[in-house]
Amino acid sequence: MIESLATMETTSLSKTRLVTLAPDLEVGGEDVILMAGPCSVETYEQTRAVAEAVHRAGGRVLRGGAFKPRTSPHTFSGLGIEGLQILRAVADEFGLLVITEALGVENIPQVMEYGDIIQIGSRNMQHFPLLWAAGETDKPILLKRGFMATIDEWLAAADHIATRGNERIILCERGIRSFDTATRNVLDTNAIALIKQTTHYPVIGDPSHSTGRTDLVIPAARAAIAAGADGLLVEFHPNPAEALSDGEQALPLDSLPQFVDEVGRIAAAMGRTLS
């Protein structure tokens, strides 16, 4: 059965356009790429601890928010430029790439200076001036699906980026809103499988935002890989109980080896390797 699954996955992978992140790192190929880090950059010490753990686990990409579009204006909204500088410093120390969100058109130059991958968040999926500005850069773009967007709307947003000249686009399924309040969102594994079968875009899963619950992050990550995801965007924090944002969905750092082991086994069953 495992051989059959691996054969099917290879067929799907053959349609996917590779997006180069570094000379020795691509999204959309055999490797499943792990992008891990805190929801928000809070301090140098917190971010460095996460970067060191990601590096030790074999991860290549550090995620972290410097500009945070929060539901309430009374919650922590990021450190801004200072957060970007912290990300770059600790990433360089451990040889990691940086993915971070550009909240508006004015943030694009800043994220380009300090980051390696520009993230367009769920709330900004149809912020067209931001999509156009990202499309005029030469950086890889991670486009998150809007939490109330159809697949067609998501792909149309990607086209807004591509028509400006930048086709280095990675899609991210981060969960869609439903009537059920038991979880934050619903991870749409159907969408992951459909993207892989019908488009040339690499697609990754975000099990943190799609569940909103620490205890469901690893199961959702396994499901995303089984559906064909080319990578994962996952939140880790040294002390989730004290996190300034999304602590309820952040995995503690000491769970990173378990995460890598469990997700890696699913990747192996699909004929792939967790990078």
C-alpha atoms as a PDB file:
ATOM      1  CA  MET A   1       0.000   0.000   0.000  1.00  0.00           C
ATOM      2  CA  ILE A   2       2.851   2.388   0.831  1.00  0.00           C
ATOM      3  CA  GLU A   3       4.454   1.744  -2.572  1.00  0.00           C
ATOM      4  CA  SER A   4       1.174   2.574  -4.264  1.00  0.00           C
ATOM      5  CA  LEU A   5       0.842   5.850  -2.342  1.00  0.00           C
ATOM      6  CA  ALA A   6       4.404   6.814  -3.205  1.00  0.00           C
ATOM      7  CA  THR A   7       3.791   6.158  -6.907  1.00  0.00           C
ATOM      8  CA  MET A   8       0.657   8.308  -6.879  1.00  0.00           C
ATOM      9  CA  GLU A   9       2.519  11.114  -5.114  1.00  0.00           C
ATOM     10  CA  THR A  10       5.336  11.052  -7.661  1.00  0.00           C
ATOM     11  CA  THR A  11       2.790  11.475 -10.458  1.00  0.00           C
ATOM     12  CA  SER A  12       1.307  14.502  -8.686  1.00  0.00           C
ATOM     13  CA  LEU A  13       4.712  16.024  -7.981  1.00  0.00           C
ATOM     14  CA  SER A  14       5.636  15.954 -11.668  1.00  0.00           C
ATOM     15  CA  LYS A  15       3.154  18.795 -12.351  1.00  0.00           C
ATOM     16  CA  THR A  16       4.452  21.092  -9.624  1.00  0.00           C
ATOM     17  CA  ARG A  17       6.674  24.047 -10.507  1.00  0.00           C
ATOM     18  CA  LEU A  18       9.707  24.123  -8.225  1.00  0.00           C
ATOM     19  CA  VAL A  19      10.214  27.328  -6.257  1.00  0.00           C
ATOM     20  CA  THR A  20      13.828  27.890  -5.286  1.00  0.00           C
ATOM     21  CA  LEU A  21      14.374  29.271  -1.782  1.00  0.00           C
ATOM     22  CA  ALA A  22      18.152  28.800  -1.685  1.00  0.00           C
ATOM     23  CA  PRO A  23      20.687  27.176  -4.020  1.00  0.00           C
ATOM     24  CA  ASP A  24      20.167  23.861  -2.231  1.00  0.00           C
ATOM     25  CA  LEU A  25      16.520  24.228  -1.173  1.00  0.00           C
ATOM     26  CA  GLU A  26      13.361  24.036  -3.302  1.00  0.00           C
ATOM     27  CA  VAL A  27       9.654  23.781  -2.552  1.00  0.00           C
ATOM     28  CA  GLY A  28       7.588  21.454  -4.719  1.00  0.00           C
ATOM     29  CA  GLY A  29      10.082  18.640  -5.125  1.00  0.00           C
ATOM     30  CA  GLU A  30      10.647  15.436  -3.201  1.00  0.00           C
ATOM     31  CA  ASP A  31      11.503  17.209   0.065  1.00  0.00           C
ATOM     32  CA  VAL A  32       8.769  18.401   2.421  1.00  0.00           C
ATOM     33  CA  ILE A  33       9.909  21.791   3.729  1.00  0.00           C
ATOM     34  CA  LEU A  34       9.460  22.733   7.392  1.00  0.00           C
ATOM     35  CA  MET A  35       8.984  26.449   8.150  1.00  0.00           C
ATOM     36  CA  ALA A  36       8.857  26.812  11.929  1.00  0.00           C
ATOM     37  CA  GLY A  37       9.025  29.550  14.522  1.00  0.00           C
ATOM     38  CA  PRO A  38       6.993  31.808  16.796  1.00  0.00           C
ATOM     39  CA  CYS A  39       3.763  33.505  15.779  1.00  0.00           C
ATOM     40  CA  SER A  40       5.305  36.836  16.803  1.00  0.00           C
ATOM     41  CA  VAL A  41       8.847  37.960  17.418  1.00  0.00           C
ATOM     42  CA  GLU A  42       8.695  39.075  21.054  1.00  0.00           C
ATOM     43  CA  THR A  43      12.334  39.291  22.188  1.00  0.00           C
ATOM     44  CA  TYR A  44      15.771  38.431  20.869  1.00  0.00           C
ATOM     45  CA  GLU A  45      16.138  35.651  23.456  1.00  0.00           C
ATOM     46  CA  GLN A  46      12.793  34.047  22.591  1.00  0.00           C
ATOM     47  CA  THR A  47      13.449  34.118  18.850  1.00  0.00           C
ATOM     48  CA  ARG A  48      17.012  32.851  19.188  1.00  0.00           C
ATOM     49  CA  ALA A  49      15.875  29.898  21.324  1.00  0.00           C
ATOM     50  CA  VAL A  50      13.389  28.893  18.630  1.00  0.00           C
ATOM     51  CA  ALA A  51      15.910  29.363  15.814  1.00  0.00           C
ATOM     52  CA  GLU A  52      18.443  27.186  17.613  1.00  0.00           C
ATOM     53  CA  ALA A  53      15.845  24.435  18.101  1.00  0.00           C
ATOM     54  CA  VAL A  54      14.730  24.598  14.456  1.00  0.00           C
ATOM     55  CA  HIS A  55      18.350  24.370  13.320  1.00  0.00           C
ATOM     56  CA  ARG A  56      19.052  21.451  15.667  1.00  0.00           C
ATOM     57  CA  ALA A  57      16.017  19.606  14.278  1.00  0.00           C
ATOM     58  CA  GLY A  58      17.251  20.040  10.708  1.00  0.00           C
ATOM     59  CA  GLY A  59      14.840  22.813   9.725  1.00  0.00           C
ATOM     60  CA  ARG A  60      15.876  25.359   7.116  1.00  0.00           C
ATOM     61  CA  VAL A  61      13.299  28.168   7.384  1.00  0.00           C
ATOM     62  CA  LEU A  62      12.490  30.345  10.415  1.00  0.00           C
ATOM     63  CA  ARG A  63       9.040  31.884  10.537  1.00  0.00           C
ATOM     64  CA  GLY A  64       8.075  34.832  12.720  1.00  0.00           C
ATOM     65  CA  GLY A  65       5.816  37.864  12.596  1.00  0.00           C
ATOM     66  CA  ALA A  66       7.097  41.417  12.931  1.00  0.00           C
ATOM     67  CA  PHE A  67       3.912  43.047  11.614  1.00  0.00           C
ATOM     68  CA  LYS A  68       0.828  41.334  13.049  1.00  0.00           C
ATOM     69  CA  PRO A  69      -2.727  41.924  11.733  1.00  0.00           C
ATOM     70  CA  ARG A  70      -4.602  41.141  14.942  1.00  0.00           C
ATOM     71  CA  THR A  71      -8.394  40.916  15.231  1.00  0.00           C
ATOM     72  CA  SER A  72      -8.352  43.380  18.133  1.00  0.00           C
ATOM     73  CA  PRO A  73      -6.266  46.584  18.081  1.00  0.00           C
ATOM     74  CA  HIS A  74      -5.724  46.142  21.822  1.00  0.00           C
ATOM     75  CA  THR A  75      -3.550  43.038  21.417  1.00  0.00           C
ATOM     76  CA  PHE A  76       0.158  42.755  20.616  1.00  0.00           C
ATOM     77  CA  SER A  77       0.731  43.820  17.006  1.00  0.00           C
ATOM     78  CA  GLY A  78       4.425  43.069  16.586  1.00  0.00           C
ATOM     79  CA  LEU A  79       7.772  44.823  16.999  1.00  0.00           C
ATOM     80  CA  GLY A  80       7.956  46.096  13.427  1.00  0.00           C
ATOM     81  CA  ILE A  81      11.465  46.824  12.132  1.00  0.00           C
ATOM     82  CA  GLU A  82      13.032  45.674  15.399  1.00  0.00           C
ATOM     83  CA  GLY A  83      11.330  42.306  14.933  1.00  0.00           C
ATOM     84  CA  LEU A  84      12.696  42.002  11.413  1.00  0.00           C
ATOM     85  CA  GLN A  85      16.194  42.797  12.628  1.00  0.00           C
ATOM     86  CA  ILE A  86      15.942  40.135  15.336  1.00  0.00           C
ATOM     87  CA  LEU A  87      14.744  37.558  12.819  1.00  0.00           C
ATOM     88  CA  ARG A  88      17.600  38.288  10.453  1.00  0.00           C
ATOM     89  CA  ALA A  89      20.228  38.211  13.184  1.00  0.00           C
ATOM     90  CA  VAL A  90      19.249  34.857  14.670  1.00  0.00           C
ATOM     91  CA  ALA A  91      18.552  33.302  11.262  1.00  0.00           C
ATOM     92  CA  ASP A  92      22.021  34.250  10.069  1.00  0.00           C
ATOM     93  CA  GLU A  93      23.564  32.814  13.227  1.00  0.00           C
ATOM     94  CA  PHE A  94      22.032  29.408  12.537  1.00  0.00           C
ATOM     95  CA  GLY A  95      22.074  29.435   8.746  1.00  0.00           C
ATOM     96  CA  LEU A  96      18.290  29.705   8.333  1.00  0.00           C
ATOM     97  CA  LEU A  97      16.076  31.475   5.819  1.00  0.00           C
ATOM     98  CA  VAL A  98      13.430  33.923   7.056  1.00  0.00           C
ATOM     99  CA  ILE A  99       9.747  33.991   6.137  1.00  0.00           C
ATOM    100  CA  THR A 100       7.744  36.901   7.505  1.00  0.00           C
ATOM    101  CA  GLU A 101       4.557  38.764   6.643  1.00  0.00           C
ATOM    102  CA  ALA A 102       4.240  42.042   4.776  1.00  0.00           C
ATOM    103  CA  LEU A 103       1.140  43.682   6.184  1.00  0.00           C
ATOM    104  CA  GLY A 104       0.941  46.476   3.610  1.00  0.00           C
ATOM    105  CA  VAL A 105       2.578  47.792   0.458  1.00  0.00           C
ATOM    106  CA  GLU A 106       4.813  49.987   2.616  1.00  0.00           C
ATOM    107  CA  ASN A 107       6.233  46.865   4.321  1.00  0.00           C
ATOM    108  CA  ILE A 108       7.435  45.214   1.106  1.00  0.00           C
ATOM    109  CA  PRO A 109      10.844  46.990   1.000  1.00  0.00           C
ATOM    110  CA  GLN A 110      11.388  46.252   4.689  1.00  0.00           C
ATOM    111  CA  VAL A 111      10.543  42.570   4.373  1.00  0.00           C
ATOM    112  CA  MET A 112      12.715  42.324   1.266  1.00  0.00           C
ATOM    113  CA  GLU A 113      15.670  43.781   3.174  1.00  0.00           C
ATOM    114  CA  TYR A 114      15.465  41.395   6.136  1.00  0.00           C
ATOM    115  CA  GLY A 115      13.535  38.391   4.842  1.00  0.00           C
ATOM    116  CA  ASP A 116      13.937  35.688   2.211  1.00  0.00           C
ATOM    117  CA  ILE A 117      10.265  34.822   1.631  1.00  0.00           C
ATOM    118  CA  ILE A 118       7.405  37.329   1.664  1.00  0.00           C
ATOM    119  CA  GLN A 119       4.257  36.056   3.355  1.00  0.00           C
ATOM    120  CA  ILE A 120       0.844  37.398   2.358  1.00  0.00           C
ATOM    121  CA  GLY A 121      -1.527  36.632   5.218  1.00  0.00           C
ATOM    122  CA  SER A 122      -5.045  35.271   5.119  1.00  0.00           C
ATOM    123  CA  ARG A 123      -6.650  38.641   5.813  1.00  0.00           C
ATOM    124  CA  ASN A 124      -4.702  40.165   2.925  1.00  0.00           C
ATOM    125  CA  MET A 125      -5.328  37.517   0.274  1.00  0.00           C
ATOM    126  CA  GLN A 126      -7.394  40.001  -1.747  1.00  0.00           C
ATOM    127  CA  HIS A 127      -5.419  43.124  -0.834  1.00  0.00           C
ATOM    128  CA  PHE A 128      -4.707  43.703  -4.497  1.00  0.00           C
ATOM    129  CA  PRO A 129      -2.185  46.565  -4.243  1.00  0.00           C
ATOM    130  CA  LEU A 130      -0.152  44.350  -1.875  1.00  0.00           C
ATOM    131  CA  LEU A 131      -0.375  41.423  -4.303  1.00  0.00           C
ATOM    132  CA  TRP A 132       0.754  43.658  -7.170  1.00  0.00           C
ATOM    133  CA  ALA A 133       3.675  45.021  -5.154  1.00  0.00           C
ATOM    134  CA  ALA A 134       4.745  41.501  -4.171  1.00  0.00           C
ATOM    135  CA  GLY A 135       4.473  40.473  -7.814  1.00  0.00           C
ATOM    136  CA  GLU A 136       6.969  43.151  -8.784  1.00  0.00           C
ATOM    137  CA  THR A 137       9.663  41.697  -6.492  1.00  0.00           C
ATOM    138  CA  ASP A 138      11.978  38.766  -7.154  1.00  0.00           C
ATOM    139  CA  LYS A 139      11.394  37.129  -3.758  1.00  0.00           C
ATOM    140  CA  PRO A 140       9.415  33.900  -3.256  1.00  0.00           C
ATOM    141  CA  ILE A 141       5.844  34.699  -2.162  1.00  0.00           C
ATOM    142  CA  LEU A 142       3.840  32.580   0.282  1.00  0.00           C
ATOM    143  CA  LEU A 143       0.150  33.295  -0.343  1.00  0.00           C
ATOM    144  CA  LYS A 144      -2.172  32.160   2.424  1.00  0.00           C
ATOM    145  CA  ARG A 145      -5.744  31.266   1.565  1.00  0.00           C
ATOM    146  CA  GLY A 146      -8.296  33.668   2.977  1.00  0.00           C
ATOM    147  CA  PHE A 147     -10.263  32.016   5.756  1.00  0.00           C
ATOM    148  CA  MET A 148     -13.518  32.649   3.851  1.00  0.00           C
ATOM    149  CA  ALA A 149     -12.133  32.307   0.303  1.00  0.00           C
ATOM    150  CA  THR A 150     -12.999  29.711  -2.287  1.00  0.00           C
ATOM    151  CA  ILE A 151     -10.237  27.847  -4.076  1.00  0.00           C
ATOM    152  CA  ASP A 152     -10.963  29.793  -7.277  1.00  0.00           C
ATOM    153  CA  GLU A 153     -10.634  33.109  -5.420  1.00  0.00           C
ATOM    154  CA  TRP A 154      -7.349  31.907  -3.914  1.00  0.00           C
ATOM    155  CA  LEU A 155      -5.962  30.975  -7.324  1.00  0.00           C
ATOM    156  CA  ALA A 156      -7.143  34.281  -8.787  1.00  0.00           C
ATOM    157  CA  ALA A 157      -5.194  36.074  -6.038  1.00  0.00           C
ATOM    158  CA  ALA A 158      -2.108  34.089  -7.066  1.00  0.00           C
ATOM    159  CA  ASP A 159      -2.692  35.224 -10.645  1.00  0.00           C
ATOM    160  CA  HIS A 160      -2.623  38.850  -9.459  1.00  0.00           C
ATOM    161  CA  ILE A 161       0.929  38.220  -8.260  1.00  0.00           C
ATOM    162  CA  ALA A 162       2.007  36.221 -11.312  1.00  0.00           C
ATOM    163  CA  THR A 163       0.727  38.757 -13.856  1.00  0.00           C
ATOM    164  CA  ARG A 164       3.111  41.329 -12.357  1.00  0.00           C
ATOM    165  CA  GLY A 165       6.043  39.096 -13.279  1.00  0.00           C
ATOM    166  CA  ASN A 166       6.739  37.022 -10.172  1.00  0.00           C
ATOM    167  CA  GLU A 167       5.829  33.347 -10.555  1.00  0.00           C
ATOM    168  CA  ARG A 168       7.759  32.189  -7.478  1.00  0.00           C
ATOM    169  CA  ILE A 169       4.482  31.557  -5.653  1.00  0.00           C
ATOM    170  CA  ILE A 170       3.819  29.045  -2.872  1.00  0.00           C
ATOM    171  CA  LEU A 171       0.217  28.545  -1.767  1.00  0.00           C
ATOM    172  CA  CYS A 172      -0.619  27.940   1.908  1.00  0.00           C
ATOM    173  CA  GLU A 173      -3.809  26.244   3.115  1.00  0.00           C
ATOM    174  CA  ARG A 174      -4.302  27.671   6.611  1.00  0.00           C
ATOM    175  CA  GLY A 175      -7.848  26.612   7.379  1.00  0.00           C
ATOM    176  CA  ILE A 176     -11.243  28.012   6.462  1.00  0.00           C
ATOM    177  CA  ARG A 177     -14.029  29.206   8.742  1.00  0.00           C
ATOM    178  CA  SER A 178     -16.991  26.915   9.456  1.00  0.00           C
ATOM    179  CA  PHE A 179     -20.052  26.897  11.700  1.00  0.00           C
ATOM    180  CA  ASP A 180     -18.254  24.738  14.285  1.00  0.00           C
ATOM    181  CA  THR A 181     -16.445  26.486  17.136  1.00  0.00           C
ATOM    182  CA  ALA A 182     -14.645  23.392  18.458  1.00  0.00           C
ATOM    183  CA  THR A 183     -11.573  24.367  16.434  1.00  0.00           C
ATOM    184  CA  ARG A 184     -10.370  27.735  15.191  1.00  0.00           C
ATOM    185  CA  ASN A 185     -10.768  26.770  11.525  1.00  0.00           C
ATOM    186  CA  VAL A 186     -11.035  23.657   9.355  1.00  0.00           C
ATOM    187  CA  LEU A 187      -7.942  22.360   7.551  1.00  0.00           C
ATOM    188  CA  ASP A 188      -9.109  21.790   3.970  1.00  0.00           C
ATOM    189  CA  THR A 189      -7.074  18.764   2.905  1.00  0.00           C
ATOM    190  CA  ASN A 190      -9.343  18.497  -0.146  1.00  0.00           C
ATOM    191  CA  ALA A 191      -7.931  21.833  -1.305  1.00  0.00           C
ATOM    192  CA  ILE A 192      -4.344  20.622  -0.869  1.00  0.00           C
ATOM    193  CA  ALA A 193      -5.022  17.516  -2.964  1.00  0.00           C
ATOM    194  CA  LEU A 194      -6.896  19.509  -5.615  1.00  0.00           C
ATOM    195  CA  ILE A 195      -4.143  22.141  -5.917  1.00  0.00           C
ATOM    196  CA  LYS A 196      -1.578  19.382  -6.437  1.00  0.00           C
ATOM    197  CA  GLN A 197      -3.673  17.674  -9.108  1.00  0.00           C
ATOM    198  CA  THR A 198      -4.892  20.683 -11.074  1.00  0.00           C
ATOM    199  CA  THR A 199      -2.280  23.462 -10.794  1.00  0.00           C
ATOM    200  CA  HIS A 200       1.476  23.913 -11.017  1.00  0.00           C
ATOM    201  CA  TYR A 201       1.729  25.692  -7.660  1.00  0.00           C
ATOM    202  CA  PRO A 202       3.497  24.114  -4.693  1.00  0.00           C
ATOM    203  CA  VAL A 203       1.224  24.139  -1.643  1.00  0.00           C
ATOM    204  CA  ILE A 204       1.964  23.885   2.055  1.00  0.00           C
ATOM    205  CA  GLY A 205      -0.243  23.401   5.109  1.00  0.00           C
ATOM    206  CA  ASP A 206      -0.554  25.522   8.251  1.00  0.00           C
ATOM    207  CA  PRO A 207      -1.742  23.148  10.994  1.00  0.00           C
ATOM    208  CA  SER A 208      -1.393  25.838  13.680  1.00  0.00           C
ATOM    209  CA  HIS A 209      -3.960  28.348  12.366  1.00  0.00           C
ATOM    210  CA  SER A 210      -6.217  25.670  10.919  1.00  0.00           C
ATOM    211  CA  THR A 211      -6.764  24.016  14.308  1.00  0.00           C
ATOM    212  CA  GLY A 212      -6.039  26.717  16.876  1.00  0.00           C
ATOM    213  CA  ARG A 213      -5.277  23.950  19.365  1.00  0.00           C
ATOM    214  CA  THR A 214      -1.866  22.658  20.370  1.00  0.00           C
ATOM    215  CA  ASP A 215      -3.144  19.091  20.780  1.00  0.00           C
ATOM    216  CA  LEU A 216      -4.355  18.992  17.159  1.00  0.00           C
ATOM    217  CA  VAL A 217      -1.353  20.524  15.404  1.00  0.00           C
ATOM    218  CA  ILE A 218       0.605  17.295  14.893  1.00  0.00           C
ATOM    219  CA  PRO A 219      -2.411  15.269  13.663  1.00  0.00           C
ATOM    220  CA  ALA A 220      -3.311  18.073  11.239  1.00  0.00           C
ATOM    221  CA  ALA A 221       0.296  18.261  10.033  1.00  0.00           C
ATOM    222  CA  ARG A 222       0.267  14.524   9.329  1.00  0.00           C
ATOM    223  CA  ALA A 223      -2.991  14.901   7.399  1.00  0.00           C
ATOM    224  CA  ALA A 224      -1.612  17.771   5.298  1.00  0.00           C
ATOM    225  CA  ILE A 225       1.422  15.728   4.258  1.00  0.00           C
ATOM    226  CA  ALA A 226      -0.748  12.710   3.473  1.00  0.00           C
ATOM    227  CA  ALA A 227      -2.885  14.954   1.225  1.00  0.00           C
ATOM    228  CA  GLY A 228       0.217  15.985  -0.735  1.00  0.00           C
ATOM    229  CA  ALA A 229       1.448  19.182   0.933  1.00  0.00           C
ATOM    230  CA  ASP A 230       4.953  20.269  -0.071  1.00  0.00           C
ATOM    231  CA  GLY A 231       5.679  21.767   3.329  1.00  0.00           C
ATOM    232  CA  LEU A 232       4.375  22.948   6.677  1.00  0.00           C
ATOM    233  CA  LEU A 233       4.218  26.336   8.398  1.00  0.00           C
ATOM    234  CA  VAL A 234       4.136  25.649  12.135  1.00  0.00           C
ATOM    235  CA  GLU A 235       4.244  27.768  15.289  1.00  0.00           C
ATOM    236  CA  PHE A 236       6.648  26.908  18.124  1.00  0.00           C
ATOM    237  CA  HIS A 237       7.339  28.896  21.286  1.00  0.00           C
ATOM    238  CA  PRO A 238       9.660  28.393  24.286  1.00  0.00           C
ATOM    239  CA  ASN A 239       6.707  28.926  26.650  1.00  0.00           C
ATOM    240  CA  PRO A 240       3.333  28.965  24.860  1.00  0.00           C
ATOM    241  CA  ALA A 241       1.480  29.936  28.040  1.00  0.00           C
ATOM    242  CA  GLU A 242       3.329  33.259  28.017  1.00  0.00           C
ATOM    243  CA  ALA A 243       3.158  33.919  24.260  1.00  0.00           C
ATOM    244  CA  LEU A 244       1.949  37.391  23.304  1.00  0.00           C
ATOM    245  CA  SER A 245      -0.079  35.977  20.407  1.00  0.00           C
ATOM    246  CA  ASP A 246      -1.611  32.582  19.514  1.00  0.00           C
ATOM    247  CA  GLY A 247      -0.135  30.729  22.477  1.00  0.00           C
ATOM    248  CA  GLU A 248      -3.049  28.292  22.430  1.00  0.00           C
ATOM    249  CA  GLN A 249      -1.912  26.893  19.085  1.00  0.00           C
ATOM    250  CA  ALA A 250       1.865  27.063  19.531  1.00  0.00           C
ATOM    251  CA  LEU A 251       3.789  23.866  20.172  1.00  0.00           C
ATOM    252  CA  PRO A 252       6.423  23.947  22.938  1.00  0.00           C
ATOM    253  CA  LEU A 253       9.994  23.688  21.720  1.00  0.00           C
ATOM    254  CA  ASP A 254      10.557  20.370  23.468  1.00  0.00           C
ATOM    255  CA  SER A 255       7.907  18.810  21.205  1.00  0.00           C
ATOM    256  CA  LEU A 256       9.874  19.620  18.040  1.00  0.00           C
ATOM    257  CA  PRO A 257      11.676  16.226  17.888  1.00  0.00           C
ATOM    258  CA  GLN A 258       8.324  14.412  18.220  1.00  0.00           C
ATOM    259  CA  PHE A 259       6.841  16.625  15.508  1.00  0.00           C
ATOM    260  CA  VAL A 260       9.718  15.894  13.134  1.00  0.00           C
ATOM    261  CA  ASP A 261       9.518  12.166  13.850  1.00  0.00           C
ATOM    262  CA  GLU A 262       5.763  11.799  13.331  1.00  0.00           C
ATOM    263  CA  VAL A 263       5.523  14.036  10.275  1.00  0.00           C
ATOM    264  CA  GLY A 264       8.705  12.525   8.845  1.00  0.00           C
ATOM    265  CA  ARG A 265       7.195   9.060   8.956  1.00  0.00           C
ATOM    266  CA  ILE A 266       4.156  10.196   6.979  1.00  0.00           C
ATOM    267  CA  ALA A 267       6.426  11.906   4.461  1.00  0.00           C
ATOM    268  CA  ALA A 268       8.432   8.680   4.083  1.00  0.00           C
ATOM    269  CA  ALA A 269       5.238   6.726   3.474  1.00  0.00           C
ATOM    270  CA  MET A 270       4.485   9.153   0.637  1.00  0.00           C
ATOM    271  CA  GLY A 271       7.940   8.615  -0.875  1.00  0.00           C
ATOM    272  CA  ARG A 272       9.245  11.963   0.371  1.00  0.00           C
ATOM    273  CA  THR A 273      11.692  13.367   2.921  1.00  0.00           C
ATOM    274  CA  LEU A 274      11.050  15.985   5.608  1.00  0.00           C
ATOM    275  CA  SER A 275      13.630  18.750   5.219  1.00  0.00           C
END
